[in-house]
C-alpha atoms as a PDB file:
ATOM      1  CA  MET A   1      90.511 204.201  32.542  1.00  0.00           C
ATOM      2  CA  LYS A   2      87.774 206.711  32.351  1.00  0.00           C
ATOM      3  CA  LEU A   3      85.032 207.171  34.854  1.00  0.00           C
ATOM      4  CA  MET A   4      82.124 204.910  34.028  1.00  0.00           C
ATOM      5  CA  ALA A   5      79.975 202.206  35.415  1.00  0.00           C
ATOM      6  CA  ALA A   6      81.519 198.780  35.607  1.00  0.00           C
ATOM      7  CA  LYS A   7      81.088 196.887  32.357  1.00  0.00           C
ATOM      8  CA  ARG A   8      79.608 193.397  32.793  1.00  0.00           C
ATOM      9  CA  ILE A   9      79.150 190.338  30.671  1.00  0.00           C
ATOM     10  CA  ASN A  10      76.767 187.495  31.878  1.00  0.00           C
ATOM     11  CA  ASN A  11      76.451 189.370  35.214  1.00  0.00           C
ATOM     12  CA  LYS A  12      80.388 189.149  35.672  1.00  0.00           C
ATOM     13  CA  THR A  13      82.460 192.266  35.902  1.00  0.00           C
ATOM     14  CA  VAL A  14      84.966 192.516  33.007  1.00  0.00           C
ATOM     15  CA  SER A  15      88.498 193.453  33.856  1.00  0.00           C
ATOM     16  CA  PHE A  16      90.207 196.167  31.753  1.00  0.00           C
ATOM     17  CA  SER A  17      93.719 197.152  31.647  1.00  0.00           C
ATOM     18  CA  PRO A  18      94.418 200.839  32.813  1.00  0.00           C
ATOM     19  CA  ASP A  19      94.355 203.308  29.985  1.00  0.00           C
ATOM     20  CA  SER A  20      98.107 204.038  30.069  1.00  0.00           C
ATOM     21  CA  GLU A  21     101.359 203.075  31.704  1.00  0.00           C
ATOM     22  CA  GLU A  22     101.153 206.260  33.750  1.00  0.00           C
ATOM     23  CA  HIS A  23      97.678 205.183  35.133  1.00  0.00           C
ATOM     24  CA  THR A  24      99.032 201.784  35.904  1.00  0.00           C
ATOM     25  CA  ASN A  25     101.877 203.268  37.963  1.00  0.00           C
ATOM     26  CA  ILE A  26      99.294 205.360  39.858  1.00  0.00           C
ATOM     27  CA  VAL A  27      97.199 202.289  40.604  1.00  0.00           C
ATOM     28  CA  LEU A  28     100.192 200.393  41.940  1.00  0.00           C
ATOM     29  CA  HIS A  29     101.411 203.317  44.076  1.00  0.00           C
ATOM     30  CA  VAL A  30      97.890 203.658  45.692  1.00  0.00           C
ATOM     31  CA  VAL A  31      97.730 199.963  46.326  1.00  0.00           C
ATOM     32  CA  ALA A  32     101.121 199.896  47.766  1.00  0.00           C
ATOM     33  CA  ARG A  33     100.089 202.338  50.610  1.00  0.00           C
ATOM     34  CA  TYR A  34      97.707 199.635  51.903  1.00  0.00           C
ATOM     35  CA  ASN A  35      99.533 196.443  50.868  1.00  0.00           C
ATOM     36  CA  PRO A  36     102.983 196.498  49.337  1.00  0.00           C
ATOM     37  CA  LEU A  37     102.933 192.753  48.673  1.00  0.00           C
ATOM     38  CA  ILE A  38      99.796 193.000  46.661  1.00  0.00           C
ATOM     39  CA  SER A  39     101.134 195.951  44.743  1.00  0.00           C
ATOM     40  CA  SER A  40     104.295 193.906  43.949  1.00  0.00           C
ATOM     41  CA  PHE A  41     102.154 190.998  42.834  1.00  0.00           C
ATOM     42  CA  LEU A  42     100.288 193.129  40.288  1.00  0.00           C
ATOM     43  CA  ASN A  43     103.583 194.656  39.119  1.00  0.00           C
ATOM     44  CA  VAL A  44     104.936 191.194  38.469  1.00  0.00           C
ATOM     45  CA  GLN A  45     101.800 190.509  36.417  1.00  0.00           C
ATOM     46  CA  ARG A  46     102.014 193.612  34.384  1.00  0.00           C
ATOM     47  CA  LEU A  47     105.801 192.856  33.616  1.00  0.00           C
ATOM     48  CA  THR A  48     105.229 189.118  32.706  1.00  0.00           C
ATOM     49  CA  GLY A  49     101.578 188.772  31.595  1.00  0.00           C
ATOM     50  CA  LEU A  50     101.158 185.807  34.058  1.00  0.00           C
ATOM     51  CA  ARG A  51      97.716 184.712  35.190  1.00  0.00           C
ATOM     52  CA  TYR A  52      96.966 184.835  38.971  1.00  0.00           C
ATOM     53  CA  SER A  53      97.078 181.041  39.029  1.00  0.00           C
ATOM     54  CA  ASP A  54     100.697 181.130  37.730  1.00  0.00           C
ATOM     55  CA  CYS A  55     101.987 184.238  39.314  1.00  0.00           C
ATOM     56  CA  SER A  56     100.955 182.949  42.686  1.00  0.00           C
ATOM     57  CA  ARG A  57     102.968 179.835  42.205  1.00  0.00           C
ATOM     58  CA  ILE A  58     106.445 181.592  41.593  1.00  0.00           C
ATOM     59  CA  THR A  59     108.900 179.975  43.909  1.00  0.00           C
ATOM     60  CA  VAL A  60     112.280 181.130  45.305  1.00  0.00           C
ATOM     61  CA  GLU A  61     113.830 178.539  43.054  1.00  0.00           C
ATOM     62  CA  ASN A  62     112.124 180.056  39.983  1.00  0.00           C
ATOM     63  CA  ILE A  63     113.760 183.440  40.413  1.00  0.00           C
ATOM     64  CA  ALA A  64     116.861 183.174  42.537  1.00  0.00           C
ATOM     65  CA  LYS A  65     120.247 181.703  41.316  1.00  0.00           C
ATOM     66  CA  SER A  66     121.553 182.321  44.801  1.00  0.00           C
ATOM     67  CA  SER A  67     120.839 184.391  47.810  1.00  0.00           C
ATOM     68  CA  THR A  68     122.151 187.510  46.113  1.00  0.00           C
ATOM     69  CA  GLN A  69     121.408 186.824  42.420  1.00  0.00           C
ATOM     70  CA  ILE A  70     118.208 186.910  40.313  1.00  0.00           C
ATOM     71  CA  ARG A  71     117.981 184.625  37.225  1.00  0.00           C
ATOM     72  CA  SER A  72     117.545 186.006  33.705  1.00  0.00           C
ATOM     73  CA  GLN A  73     114.529 183.756  32.967  1.00  0.00           C
ATOM     74  CA  PHE A  74     112.495 180.900  34.327  1.00  0.00           C
ATOM     75  CA  THR A  75     110.007 178.370  33.040  1.00  0.00           C
ATOM     76  CA  ILE A  76     106.615 177.922  34.515  1.00  0.00           C
ATOM     77  CA  VAL A  77     103.827 175.382  33.703  1.00  0.00           C
ATOM     78  CA  GLN A  78     100.655 177.342  33.125  1.00  0.00           C
ATOM     79  CA  LYS A  79      97.972 175.745  35.232  1.00  0.00           C
ATOM     80  CA  LYS A  80      94.999 176.638  33.003  1.00  0.00           C
ATOM     81  CA  ILE A  81      96.718 175.454  29.848  1.00  0.00           C
ATOM     82  CA  TYR A  82      98.007 172.249  31.383  1.00  0.00           C
ATOM     83  CA  THR A  83      94.512 171.299  32.848  1.00  0.00           C
ATOM     84  CA  GLY A  84      92.784 171.890  29.417  1.00  0.00           C
ATOM     85  CA  ALA A  85      95.536 170.106  27.503  1.00  0.00           C
ATOM     86  CA  LEU A  86      95.410 167.072  29.789  1.00  0.00           C
ATOM     87  CA  THR A  87      91.582 166.863  29.612  1.00  0.00           C
ATOM     88  CA  ARG A  88      91.648 167.039  25.712  1.00  0.00           C
ATOM     89  CA  LEU A  89      94.418 164.360  25.599  1.00  0.00           C
ATOM     90  CA  LYS A  90      92.447 161.897  27.701  1.00  0.00           C
ATOM     91  CA  LYS A  91      89.471 162.304  25.460  1.00  0.00           C
ATOM     92  CA  ASN A  92      91.462 161.933  22.225  1.00  0.00           C
ATOM     93  CA  GLU A  93      91.430 158.464  20.779  1.00  0.00           C
ATOM     94  CA  LYS A  94      94.916 159.063  19.340  1.00  0.00           C
ATOM     95  CA  TYR A  95      96.318 158.922  22.763  1.00  0.00           C
ATOM     96  CA  VAL A  96      94.218 156.015  24.153  1.00  0.00           C
ATOM     97  CA  ASN A  97      97.376 153.756  24.485  1.00  0.00           C
ATOM     98  CA  HIS A  98      99.487 156.393  26.261  1.00  0.00           C
ATOM     99  CA  SER A  99     100.175 155.967  29.962  1.00  0.00           C
ATOM    100  CA  GLU A 100      99.068 158.570  32.531  1.00  0.00           C
ATOM    101  CA  THR A 101     102.745 159.657  32.993  1.00  0.00           C
ATOM    102  CA  GLU A 102     103.069 160.103  29.144  1.00  0.00           C
ATOM    103  CA  LEU A 103      99.961 162.257  28.987  1.00  0.00           C
ATOM    104  CA  HIS A 104     101.141 164.457  31.931  1.00  0.00           C
ATOM    105  CA  SER A 105     104.463 164.864  30.079  1.00  0.00           C
ATOM    106  CA  ILE A 106     102.783 165.976  26.888  1.00  0.00           C
ATOM    107  CA  ALA A 107     100.409 168.326  28.736  1.00  0.00           C
ATOM    108  CA  ILE A 108     103.385 169.820  30.709  1.00  0.00           C
ATOM    109  CA  ASN A 109     105.230 170.410  27.381  1.00  0.00           C
ATOM    110  CA  LYS A 110     102.186 172.223  25.913  1.00  0.00           C
ATOM    111  CA  ALA A 111     101.721 174.308  28.985  1.00  0.00           C
ATOM    112  CA  SER A 112     105.312 175.310  29.634  1.00  0.00           C
ATOM    113  CA  LEU A 113     105.957 179.104  29.370  1.00  0.00           C
ATOM    114  CA  ARG A 114     109.368 180.722  29.330  1.00  0.00           C
ATOM    115  CA  VAL A 115     109.418 183.975  31.398  1.00  0.00           C
ATOM    116  CA  PHE A 116     112.094 186.525  30.720  1.00  0.00           C
ATOM    117  CA  ILE A 117     113.332 188.528  33.685  1.00  0.00           C
ATOM    118  CA  SER A 118     114.055 192.098  32.587  1.00  0.00           C
ATOM    119  CA  ASP A 119     116.164 194.433  34.815  1.00  0.00           C
ATOM    120  CA  ARG A 120     112.964 196.110  35.849  1.00  0.00           C
ATOM    121  CA  LEU A 121     111.494 192.751  36.929  1.00  0.00           C
ATOM    122  CA  LYS A 122     114.700 191.834  38.789  1.00  0.00           C
ATOM    123  CA  ASP A 123     114.179 195.065  40.861  1.00  0.00           C
ATOM    124  CA  VAL A 124     110.700 194.022  41.744  1.00  0.00           C
ATOM    125  CA  PHE A 125     111.742 190.476  42.681  1.00  0.00           C
ATOM    126  CA  VAL A 126     114.373 191.842  44.919  1.00  0.00           C
ATOM    127  CA  GLU A 127     111.886 194.122  46.657  1.00  0.00           C
ATOM    128  CA  VAL A 128     109.476 191.168  47.208  1.00  0.00           C
ATOM    129  CA  LEU A 129     112.229 189.121  48.870  1.00  0.00           C
ATOM    130  CA  LYS A 130     112.894 192.164  51.196  1.00  0.00           C
ATOM    131  CA  LEU A 131     109.291 192.578  52.041  1.00  0.00           C
ATOM    132  CA  GLN A 132     109.119 188.899  52.858  1.00  0.00           C
ATOM    133  CA  ASP A 133     111.902 189.184  55.462  1.00  0.00           C
ATOM    134  CA  ASP A 134     109.385 190.145  58.040  1.00  0.00           C
ATOM    135  CA  ASN A 135     106.927 187.401  57.065  1.00  0.00           C
ATOM    136  CA  PRO A 136     106.985 184.619  59.639  1.00  0.00           C
ATOM    137  CA  PHE A 137     105.358 182.269  57.176  1.00  0.00           C
ATOM    138  CA  PHE A 138     108.009 182.727  54.531  1.00  0.00           C
ATOM    139  CA  ASN A 139     111.553 181.148  54.415  1.00  0.00           C
ATOM    140  CA  LYS A 140     113.662 182.309  51.478  1.00  0.00           C
ATOM    141  CA  LYS A 141     116.168 179.503  52.185  1.00  0.00           C
ATOM    142  CA  ASP A 142     113.392 177.077  51.198  1.00  0.00           C
ATOM    143  CA  LYS A 143     113.639 176.781  47.325  1.00  0.00           C
ATOM    144  CA  GLU A 144     110.059 175.726  47.173  1.00  0.00           C
ATOM    145  CA  ALA A 145     108.712 178.589  49.187  1.00  0.00           C
ATOM    146  CA  LEU A 146     106.239 180.813  47.233  1.00  0.00           C
ATOM    147  CA  ILE A 147     107.551 184.387  46.926  1.00  0.00           C
ATOM    148  CA  PHE A 148     104.024 185.753  47.355  1.00  0.00           C
ATOM    149  CA  THR A 149     103.239 183.861  50.562  1.00  0.00           C
ATOM    150  CA  SER A 150     100.575 185.577  52.448  1.00  0.00           C
ATOM    151  CA  THR A 151     101.374 187.279  55.741  1.00  0.00           C
ATOM    152  CA  HIS A 152      97.924 186.136  57.097  1.00  0.00           C
ATOM    153  CA  HIS A 153      98.094 183.522  59.698  1.00  0.00           C
ATOM    154  CA  HIS A 154      95.089 181.728  58.257  1.00  0.00           C
ATOM    155  CA  ALA A 155      96.770 181.365  54.850  1.00  0.00           C
ATOM    156  CA  LYS A 156      99.033 178.609  56.235  1.00  0.00           C
ATOM    157  CA  GLY A 157     101.976 179.374  53.847  1.00  0.00           C
ATOM    158  CA  ASN A 158      99.779 179.704  50.755  1.00  0.00           C
ATOM    159  CA  ALA A 159     100.013 182.732  48.451  1.00  0.00           C
ATOM    160  CA  ILE A 160      98.058 185.871  48.736  1.00  0.00           C
ATOM    161  CA  SER A 161      94.523 185.060  47.476  1.00  0.00           C
ATOM    162  CA  LYS A 162      92.935 186.356  44.355  1.00  0.00           C
ATOM    163  CA  GLU A 163      89.934 187.438  46.485  1.00  0.00           C
ATOM    164  CA  ALA A 164      92.229 189.582  48.730  1.00  0.00           C
ATOM    165  CA  ILE A 165      93.839 191.234  45.628  1.00  0.00           C
ATOM    166  CA  ASN A 166      90.482 192.033  43.982  1.00  0.00           C
ATOM    167  CA  GLN A 167      88.925 193.174  47.173  1.00  0.00           C
ATOM    168  CA  LEU A 168      91.626 195.755  47.715  1.00  0.00           C
ATOM    169  CA  LEU A 169      91.614 196.945  44.179  1.00  0.00           C
ATOM    170  CA  LYS A 170      87.719 197.449  44.288  1.00  0.00           C
ATOM    171  CA  SER A 171      87.744 198.857  47.863  1.00  0.00           C
ATOM    172  CA  ASP A 172      86.293 202.254  48.597  1.00  0.00           C
ATOM    173  CA  LYS A 173      89.590 203.600  49.989  1.00  0.00           C
ATOM    174  CA  VAL A 174      91.537 202.714  46.747  1.00  0.00           C
ATOM    175  CA  GLY A 175      88.661 203.932  44.551  1.00  0.00           C
ATOM    176  CA  GLN A 176      88.497 207.309  46.272  1.00  0.00           C
ATOM    177  CA  GLU A 177      92.180 207.874  45.933  1.00  0.00           C
ATOM    178  CA  LEU A 178      92.136 206.768  42.257  1.00  0.00           C
ATOM    179  CA  LEU A 179      89.223 209.227  41.549  1.00  0.00           C
ATOM    180  CA  LYS A 180      91.513 212.095  42.371  1.00  0.00           C
ATOM    181  CA  HIS A 181      93.571 211.129  39.328  1.00  0.00           C
ATOM    182  CA  GLY A 182      90.504 210.497  37.056  1.00  0.00           C
ATOM    183  CA  ILE A 183      90.922 206.690  37.366  1.00  0.00           C
ATOM    184  CA  SER A 184      88.006 204.365  38.065  1.00  0.00           C
ATOM    185  CA  ASN A 185      88.526 200.943  39.794  1.00  0.00           C
ATOM    186  CA  GLU A 186      85.108 199.619  38.573  1.00  0.00           C
ATOM    187  CA  ASN A 187      86.870 197.313  36.049  1.00  0.00           C
ATOM    188  CA  LEU A 188      90.119 196.701  37.912  1.00  0.00           C
ATOM    189  CA  GLY A 189      91.015 193.213  38.937  1.00  0.00           C
ATOM    190  CA  SER A 190      94.173 191.024  39.064  1.00  0.00           C
ATOM    191  CA  HIS A 191      93.440 190.092  35.387  1.00  0.00           C
ATOM    192  CA  SER A 192      93.730 193.697  34.402  1.00  0.00           C
ATOM    193  CA  PHE A 193      97.473 193.641  34.902  1.00  0.00           C
ATOM    194  CA  ARG A 194      97.948 190.522  32.683  1.00  0.00           C
ATOM    195  CA  LYS A 195      95.955 192.358  30.040  1.00  0.00           C
ATOM    196  CA  GLU A 196      98.213 195.488  30.667  1.00  0.00           C
ATOM    197  CA  PHE A 197     101.259 193.449  29.652  1.00  0.00           C
ATOM    198  CA  GLY A 198      99.754 192.674  26.301  1.00  0.00           C
ATOM    199  CA  GLN A 199      98.366 196.094  25.618  1.00  0.00           C
ATOM    200  CA  ARG A 200     101.731 197.855  26.269  1.00  0.00           C
ATOM    201  CA  LEU A 201     103.555 195.367  24.132  1.00  0.00           C
ATOM    202  CA  LEU A 202     101.182 196.365  21.362  1.00  0.00           C
ATOM    203  CA  GLU A 203     101.654 199.935  21.705  1.00  0.00           C
ATOM    204  CA  LYS A 204     105.540 199.402  21.594  1.00  0.00           C
ATOM    205  CA  GLY A 205     105.069 197.611  18.274  1.00  0.00           C
ATOM    206  CA  ALA A 206     105.045 194.032  19.097  1.00  0.00           C
ATOM    207  CA  ASN A 207     102.967 191.952  16.560  1.00  0.00           C
ATOM    208  CA  VAL A 208      99.925 189.971  17.843  1.00  0.00           C
ATOM    209  CA  ILE A 209     101.582 186.672  17.226  1.00  0.00           C
ATOM    210  CA  ASP A 210     104.570 187.398  19.569  1.00  0.00           C
ATOM    211  CA  ILE A 211     102.109 188.724  22.123  1.00  0.00           C
ATOM    212  CA  GLN A 212     100.163 185.489  22.013  1.00  0.00           C
ATOM    213  CA  GLU A 213     103.290 183.547  22.663  1.00  0.00           C
ATOM    214  CA  LEU A 214     104.446 185.721  25.532  1.00  0.00           C
ATOM    215  CA  LEU A 215     100.997 185.520  27.092  1.00  0.00           C
ATOM    216  CA  GLY A 216     101.147 181.731  26.729  1.00  0.00           C
ATOM    217  CA  GLN A 217      97.713 181.683  25.132  1.00  0.00           C
ATOM    218  CA  SER A 218      96.570 178.738  23.108  1.00  0.00           C
ATOM    219  CA  SER A 219      94.651 180.799  20.399  1.00  0.00           C
ATOM    220  CA  LEU A 220      95.135 183.973  18.502  1.00  0.00           C
ATOM    221  CA  ASP A 221      91.409 184.619  19.020  1.00  0.00           C
ATOM    222  CA  SER A 222      91.948 184.874  22.794  1.00  0.00           C
ATOM    223  CA  THR A 223      94.848 187.280  22.409  1.00  0.00           C
ATOM    224  CA  ILE A 224      92.801 189.531  20.073  1.00  0.00           C
ATOM    225  CA  LYS A 225      89.977 189.788  22.758  1.00  0.00           C
ATOM    226  CA  TYR A 226      92.612 190.678  25.247  1.00  0.00           C
ATOM    227  CA  LEU A 227      93.720 193.680  23.217  1.00  0.00           C
ATOM    228  CA  SER A 228      90.201 194.861  22.380  1.00  0.00           C
ATOM    229  CA  THR A 229      89.191 198.447  22.941  1.00  0.00           C
ATOM    230  CA  SER A 230      85.737 199.940  22.524  1.00  0.00           C
ATOM    231  CA  ASP A 231      86.553 203.292  20.772  1.00  0.00           C
ATOM    232  CA  LYS A 232      88.134 202.165  17.493  1.00  0.00           C
ATOM    233  CA  LYS A 233      86.509 202.900  14.073  1.00  0.00           C
ATOM    234  CA  LYS A 234      85.088 199.532  12.905  1.00  0.00           C
ATOM    235  CA  LYS A 235      83.881 200.996   9.630  1.00  0.00           C
ATOM    236  CA  ASP A 236      87.540 201.851   8.735  1.00  0.00           C
ATOM    237  CA  LEU A 237      88.704 198.348   9.615  1.00  0.00           C
ATOM    238  CA  VAL A 238      85.896 196.800   7.398  1.00  0.00           C
ATOM    239  CA  ASN A 239      87.059 199.079   4.571  1.00  0.00           C
ATOM    240  CA  SER A 240      90.683 198.089   5.078  1.00  0.00           C
ATOM    241  CA  ILE A 241      89.817 194.576   4.683  1.00  0.00           C
ATOM    242  CA  ALA A 242      87.665 195.136   1.572  1.00  0.00           C
ATOM    243  CA  SER A 243      90.689 196.736  -0.017  1.00  0.00           C
ATOM    244  CA  GLN A 244      92.770 193.563   0.279  1.00  0.00           C
ATOM    245  CA  PRO A 245      93.107 191.564  -2.908  1.00  0.00           C
ATOM    246  CA  THR A 246      92.195 187.940  -2.518  1.00  0.00           C
ATOM    247  CA  ILE A 247      93.782 184.934  -4.182  1.00  0.00           C
ATOM    248  CA  VAL A 248      90.786 184.688  -6.442  1.00  0.00           C
ATOM    249  CA  ASN A 249      90.973 188.265  -7.575  1.00  0.00           C
ATOM    250  CA  SER A 250      94.660 188.030  -8.307  1.00  0.00           C
ATOM    251  CA  ALA A 251      94.122 185.030 -10.359  1.00  0.00           C
ATOM    252  CA  LEU A 252      91.413 186.768 -12.442  1.00  0.00           C
ATOM    253  CA  GLU A 253      93.511 189.808 -13.019  1.00  0.00           C
ATOM    254  CA  GLY A 254      96.741 188.100 -13.917  1.00  0.00           C
ATOM    255  CA  ASN A 255      95.273 185.161 -15.949  1.00  0.00           C
ATOM    256  CA  THR A 256      92.487 186.449 -18.152  1.00  0.00           C
ATOM    257  CA  SER A 257      93.468 184.650 -21.363  1.00  0.00           C
ATOM    258  CA  SER A 258      92.638 181.163 -22.428  1.00  0.00           C
ATOM    259  CA  ALA A 259      96.256 180.250 -22.229  1.00  0.00           C
ATOM    260  CA  SER A 260      96.040 180.663 -18.419  1.00  0.00           C
ATOM    261  CA  GLY A 261      93.819 177.472 -18.219  1.00  0.00           C
ATOM    262  CA  LEU A 262      91.018 179.296 -16.456  1.00  0.00           C
ATOM    263  CA  ASN A 263      87.651 179.294 -18.158  1.00  0.00           C
ATOM    264  CA  ASN A 264      84.534 180.948 -16.841  1.00  0.00           C
ATOM    265  CA  ASN A 265      86.004 181.010 -13.348  1.00  0.00           C
ATOM    266  CA  GLU A 266      86.433 177.151 -13.370  1.00  0.00           C
ATOM    267  CA  ASP A 267      89.426 175.814 -11.458  1.00  0.00           C
ATOM    268  CA  ILE A 268      90.138 179.321 -10.099  1.00  0.00           C
ATOM    269  CA  PRO A 269      92.210 178.593  -6.933  1.00  0.00           C
ATOM    270  CA  THR A 270      90.336 179.746  -3.779  1.00  0.00           C
ATOM    271  CA  ALA A 271      91.900 181.311  -0.832  1.00  0.00           C
ATOM    272  CA  THR A 272      94.220 179.087   1.190  1.00  0.00           C
ATOM    273  CA  THR A 273      93.268 177.562   4.482  1.00  0.00           C
ATOM    274  CA  GLU A 274      95.617 179.928   6.222  1.00  0.00           C
ATOM    275  CA  ASN A 275      93.956 182.970   4.552  1.00  0.00           C
ATOM    276  CA  ASP A 276      90.528 181.606   5.556  1.00  0.00           C
ATOM    277  CA  LYS A 277      91.671 181.397   9.188  1.00  0.00           C
ATOM    278  CA  LEU A 278      93.128 184.903   9.005  1.00  0.00           C
ATOM    279  CA  LEU A 279      89.885 186.289   7.547  1.00  0.00           C
ATOM    280  CA  ALA A 280      87.844 184.609  10.367  1.00  0.00           C
ATOM    281  CA  LEU A 281      90.208 186.072  13.019  1.00  0.00           C
ATOM    282  CA  ILE A 282      89.926 189.528  11.394  1.00  0.00           C
ATOM    283  CA  GLU A 283      86.138 189.327  11.535  1.00  0.00           C
ATOM    284  CA  LYS A 284      86.300 188.390  15.206  1.00  0.00           C
ATOM    285  CA  ALA A 285      88.692 191.210  15.810  1.00  0.00           C
ATOM    286  CA  ILE A 286      86.408 193.684  14.177  1.00  0.00           C
ATOM    287  CA  GLU A 287      83.339 192.349  16.141  1.00  0.00           C
ATOM    288  CA  SER A 288      85.164 192.760  19.480  1.00  0.00           C
ATOM    289  CA  GLY A 289      86.583 196.158  18.725  1.00  0.00           C
ATOM    290  CA  ALA A 290      90.288 195.279  18.457  1.00  0.00           C
ATOM    291  CA  PRO A 291      92.804 198.053  17.931  1.00  0.00           C
ATOM    292  CA  GLU A 292      93.584 198.896  14.350  1.00  0.00           C
ATOM    293  CA  SER A 293      97.180 197.824  14.765  1.00  0.00           C
ATOM    294  CA  VAL A 294      96.019 194.300  15.611  1.00  0.00           C
ATOM    295  CA  ILE A 295      93.880 194.237  12.476  1.00  0.00           C
ATOM    296  CA  ASN A 296      96.694 195.640  10.347  1.00  0.00           C
ATOM    297  CA  GLY A 297      99.064 192.991  11.665  1.00  0.00           C
ATOM    298  CA  LEU A 298      96.661 190.324  10.578  1.00  0.00           C
ATOM    299  CA  LEU A 299      96.158 191.886   7.207  1.00  0.00           C
ATOM    300  CA  SER A 300      99.718 192.029   6.650  1.00  0.00           C
ATOM    301  CA  LYS A 301      99.845 188.209   6.711  1.00  0.00           C
ATOM    302  CA  MET A 302      97.301 187.900   4.010  1.00  0.00           C
ATOM    303  CA  LYS A 303      98.760 186.036   0.918  1.00  0.00           C
END
């Protein structure tokens, strides 16, 4: 993250992922000096891609098989996806005869996300439980206890707040320490570490479809925006799209005789709906400055 003024959209500061994994580690290290629990929270976000609203609801039962063993995975119902799905279902005439219980069940199914626990993440969870040993508001014997229960007495057993996390990230004391490493905290927020998860997956060769699923996003368009950067060559991306043969071009090149049944371009098959959707996504990706690897991944799916 280079030194620059905070980027804002509609008067709201935009969260960016750190420039590299090294920068992320530095940020987490600096934050840990002031609040180890918040640092661990952000670390879990960057290793799972979970939103604050979901990471803050992780319970002891989600992660622990026993007092000494961490699970290999767990499933969480994404709050944002669940709320949106339920709202759409209630407005959809197709589901007018469904009961409230049935609608909730469908929404839960749509919003369920399986989270894989890597060895690295297991270590973080173990550390979190150790940190919470001294928290009078946390009881690890309670399966429903939130693993990120705040240590503040006013929190009353609730998780550390998003406001507390962002205030620390944007504080002068954290900002000054990060500046020593050439890192700005202007566009750092809890959401930065969810984006970090997707960005590092992309760098390691994951395709955008898999990243979408791991982030639990409902649309590919949202995923592309997450992976956007501002320093890519949009002209090259436009040229790469122009070089892709379309269904119409292929038909013309391979079927020029009257025996092909094509006459003066009549009845020439147009691009499939799938291709149309891909082209629309590619255009949006270019507009948002998505990395070339994202564009190439979409181009490879063109038929």
